[in-house]
């Protein structure tokens, strides 16, 4: 009987959303020993954009010596957005964000690692009409985020208990929307819109 290979993840937290309590809850619901789960998660809190960029060096080092299969950056753009405000700093912000994304992309390609980037959206008046008539959402980070990502997914509340998972753009997947609920086991899909 062969041994099962253990995969590890890196979680870069820029907003303080990482919840060990939630991971314990999900692990317990699947009868997975909590120590096993936490031994396979490398967690780092990024405090500013410079630190977020330096954490990529640690990611590359971990990828050399550990079996890293996923890097999660939650949220990719918030520190850039708070440190660089207004149109006057837009060029510098986009330049540094682009550098971060290119370095992350290199690590992912070199070590065959999947990457999950979370991001915020803002309401954008794209048609030049009144917001009541045309309320659209636009991802923070602009074209730099759009061009570096392979699949873009929108998560939004549908009702008090349900959420919508919508593939809005992908080079490999068709656009699709699915409703799900968050629960003790993580989540359950309960309605599929094909």
Protein backbone atom coordinates (compact mmCIF):
# COMPACT_ATOMS: atom_id res chain seq x y z
CA UNK A 1 0.00 0.00 0.00
CA UNK A 2 1.44 3.37 -1.06
CA UNK A 3 1.75 6.38 1.15
CA UNK A 4 -0.44 9.36 0.50
CA UNK A 5 1.42 12.54 -0.43
CA UNK A 6 0.59 15.53 1.75
CA UNK A 7 0.16 18.87 0.02
CA UNK A 8 0.69 22.20 1.73
CA UNK A 9 -0.74 25.68 1.23
CA UNK A 10 0.50 29.20 1.84
CA UNK A 11 -2.02 31.77 3.06
CA UNK A 12 -0.98 35.45 2.83
CA UNK A 13 -3.43 37.51 4.87
CA UNK A 14 -3.63 41.25 4.26
CA UNK A 15 -6.93 41.95 6.01
CA UNK A 16 -6.90 39.73 9.09
CA UNK A 17 -9.57 37.37 7.72
CA UNK A 18 -7.75 34.08 8.37
CA UNK A 19 -9.81 32.11 10.88
CA UNK A 20 -8.16 29.16 12.67
CA UNK A 21 -11.50 28.57 14.40
CA UNK A 22 -13.20 28.06 11.03
CA UNK A 23 -10.49 25.65 9.87
CA UNK A 24 -10.89 23.65 13.08
CA UNK A 25 -14.66 23.52 12.52
CA UNK A 26 -14.28 22.21 8.96
CA UNK A 27 -11.54 19.70 9.92
CA UNK A 28 -13.64 18.32 12.76
CA UNK A 29 -16.65 17.87 10.46
CA UNK A 30 -14.48 15.62 8.23
CA UNK A 31 -12.81 13.84 11.20
CA UNK A 32 -9.39 15.18 10.21
CA UNK A 33 -6.90 15.66 13.04
CA UNK A 34 -6.44 19.39 13.60
CA UNK A 35 -2.65 19.16 14.01
CA UNK A 36 -2.41 17.52 10.57
CA UNK A 37 -4.32 20.40 9.03
CA UNK A 38 -2.28 23.16 10.68
CA UNK A 39 1.04 21.43 9.91
CA UNK A 40 0.19 21.89 6.25
CA UNK A 41 -0.79 25.57 6.26
CA UNK A 42 1.90 28.23 6.14
CA UNK A 43 0.34 31.49 7.33
CA UNK A 44 1.77 34.99 6.92
CA UNK A 45 0.25 38.36 7.76
CA UNK A 46 1.27 41.13 5.33
CA UNK A 47 1.39 44.56 6.96
CA UNK A 48 2.18 46.77 3.97
CA UNK A 49 2.87 46.47 0.25
CA UNK A 50 6.63 46.14 0.72
CA UNK A 51 6.09 43.30 3.19
CA UNK A 52 3.54 41.65 0.86
CA UNK A 53 6.16 41.68 -1.91
CA UNK A 54 8.89 40.32 0.39
CA UNK A 55 6.62 37.44 1.39
CA UNK A 56 6.96 36.12 -2.17
CA UNK A 57 10.63 35.34 -1.43
CA UNK A 58 9.43 33.20 1.48
CA UNK A 59 6.87 31.55 -0.81
CA UNK A 60 9.58 30.62 -3.30
CA UNK A 61 11.80 29.23 -0.52
CA UNK A 62 8.93 27.17 0.90
CA UNK A 63 8.08 25.90 -2.59
CA UNK A 64 11.65 24.56 -2.94
CA UNK A 65 11.59 22.63 0.34
CA UNK A 66 7.89 21.81 0.87
CA UNK A 67 5.19 20.35 -1.31
CA UNK A 68 3.28 23.61 -1.83
CA UNK A 69 0.29 23.22 -4.14
CA UNK A 70 -1.76 26.39 -3.46
CA UNK A 71 -0.94 30.00 -2.55
CA UNK A 72 -3.85 32.12 -1.33
CA UNK A 73 -3.53 35.91 -1.15
CA UNK A 74 -6.47 37.41 0.72
CA UNK A 75 -6.85 40.22 -0.36
CA UNK A 76 -4.41 40.91 -3.16
CA UNK A 77 -5.12 44.63 -3.62
CA UNK A 78 -6.20 46.08 -0.25
CA UNK A 79 -2.75 47.22 0.89
CA UNK A 80 -2.01 48.82 -2.49
CA UNK A 81 -5.37 50.55 -2.35
CA UNK A 82 -4.84 51.96 1.14
CA UNK A 83 -1.19 52.99 0.67
CA UNK A 84 -1.68 54.62 -2.74
CA UNK A 85 -4.79 56.75 -2.93
CA UNK A 86 -6.09 59.03 -5.62
CA UNK A 87 -5.30 59.39 -9.31
CA UNK A 88 -1.93 60.99 -8.56
CA UNK A 89 -0.61 57.73 -7.12
CA UNK A 90 -2.41 55.41 -9.55
CA UNK A 91 0.66 54.80 -11.73
CA UNK A 92 2.88 53.87 -8.75
CA UNK A 93 0.16 51.62 -7.30
CA UNK A 94 -0.47 49.77 -10.55
CA UNK A 95 3.27 49.44 -11.19
CA UNK A 96 3.93 47.82 -7.78
CA UNK A 97 0.80 45.65 -8.00
CA UNK A 98 1.91 44.47 -11.44
CA UNK A 99 5.37 43.59 -10.08
CA UNK A 100 3.81 41.59 -7.23
CA UNK A 101 1.51 39.71 -9.63
CA UNK A 102 4.31 38.95 -12.12
CA UNK A 103 6.53 37.57 -9.32
CA UNK A 104 3.66 35.49 -7.97
CA UNK A 105 2.96 34.22 -11.50
CA UNK A 106 6.62 33.19 -11.90
CA UNK A 107 6.56 31.23 -8.65
CA UNK A 108 3.29 29.52 -9.63
CA UNK A 109 4.70 28.51 -13.03
CA UNK A 110 8.10 27.41 -11.78
CA UNK A 111 6.72 25.20 -9.00
CA UNK A 112 3.37 24.22 -10.58
CA UNK A 113 1.35 25.92 -7.83
CA UNK A 114 -2.28 27.00 -8.04
CA UNK A 115 -2.98 30.56 -6.93
CA UNK A 116 -6.16 32.02 -5.45
CA UNK A 117 -6.36 35.81 -5.26
CA UNK A 118 -9.24 37.50 -3.50
CA UNK A 119 -10.10 41.04 -4.41
CA UNK A 120 -12.69 43.73 -3.81
CA UNK A 121 -15.07 45.20 -6.32
CA UNK A 122 -16.44 48.71 -6.43
CA UNK A 123 -19.61 50.10 -7.91
CA UNK A 124 -18.78 51.68 -11.24
CA UNK A 125 -20.94 53.86 -13.39
CA UNK A 126 -19.69 52.33 -16.63
CA UNK A 127 -22.39 53.62 -18.97
CA UNK A 128 -22.22 57.19 -17.76
CA UNK A 129 -25.79 56.88 -16.51
CA UNK A 130 -27.31 57.45 -13.14
CA UNK A 131 -26.22 54.74 -10.63
CA UNK A 132 -29.83 53.78 -10.04
CA UNK A 133 -30.21 52.92 -13.72
CA UNK A 134 -26.80 51.33 -14.30
CA UNK A 135 -25.07 49.92 -11.25
CA UNK A 136 -22.13 47.74 -12.29
CA UNK A 137 -19.23 46.35 -10.35
CA UNK A 138 -15.61 46.66 -11.31
CA UNK A 139 -12.65 44.79 -9.81
CA UNK A 140 -10.01 46.79 -7.95
CA UNK A 141 -6.67 46.64 -9.75
CA UNK A 142 -8.04 47.22 -13.24
CA UNK A 143 -6.49 45.65 -16.30
CA UNK A 144 -3.44 44.38 -14.43
CA UNK A 145 -5.63 42.06 -12.36
CA UNK A 146 -7.77 41.12 -15.35
CA UNK A 147 -4.83 40.15 -17.56
CA UNK A 148 -2.89 38.11 -15.00
CA UNK A 149 -5.82 35.94 -13.91
CA UNK A 150 -6.94 32.83 -15.76
CA UNK A 151 -10.38 32.47 -14.18
CA UNK A 152 -12.37 35.25 -12.51
CA UNK A 153 -15.11 34.30 -10.09
CA UNK A 154 -17.69 36.55 -8.46
CA UNK A 155 -19.00 35.59 -5.02
CA UNK A 156 -22.02 37.46 -3.75
CA UNK A 157 -24.87 37.14 -1.26
CA UNK A 158 -28.09 35.85 -2.72
CA UNK A 159 -30.23 35.72 0.41
CA UNK A 160 -29.70 35.54 4.16
CA UNK A 161 -28.36 31.97 3.98
CA UNK A 162 -27.21 31.52 0.40
CA UNK A 163 -24.47 32.83 -1.84
CA UNK A 164 -23.85 32.82 -5.59
CA UNK A 165 -20.65 31.52 -7.18
CA UNK A 166 -20.39 32.82 -10.74
CA UNK A 167 -17.62 32.20 -13.26
CA UNK A 168 -17.47 35.52 -15.07
CA UNK A 169 -14.39 34.95 -17.21
CA UNK A 170 -12.18 31.93 -17.87
CA UNK A 171 -9.92 30.60 -20.58
CA UNK A 172 -10.89 27.03 -19.72
CA UNK A 173 -14.37 27.11 -18.14
CA UNK A 174 -17.76 28.16 -19.46
CA UNK A 175 -19.60 30.99 -17.73
CA UNK A 176 -21.77 29.39 -15.07
CA UNK A 177 -23.57 30.30 -11.87
CA UNK A 178 -24.24 28.11 -8.83
CA UNK A 179 -25.91 28.80 -5.50
CA UNK A 180 -24.32 27.47 -2.31
CA UNK A 181 -24.61 27.72 1.44
CA UNK A 182 -21.80 28.06 3.96
CA UNK A 183 -21.97 25.48 6.75
CA UNK A 184 -19.87 23.51 9.27
CA UNK A 185 -18.39 21.34 6.49
CA UNK A 186 -17.29 24.36 4.46
CA UNK A 187 -20.05 24.75 1.90
CA UNK A 188 -22.72 22.80 0.01
CA UNK A 189 -24.00 23.49 -3.49
CA UNK A 190 -27.78 23.35 -3.49
CA UNK A 191 -28.84 24.71 -6.84
CA UNK A 192 -27.10 24.67 -10.19
CA UNK A 193 -27.96 27.08 -13.00
CA UNK A 194 -26.76 25.47 -16.21
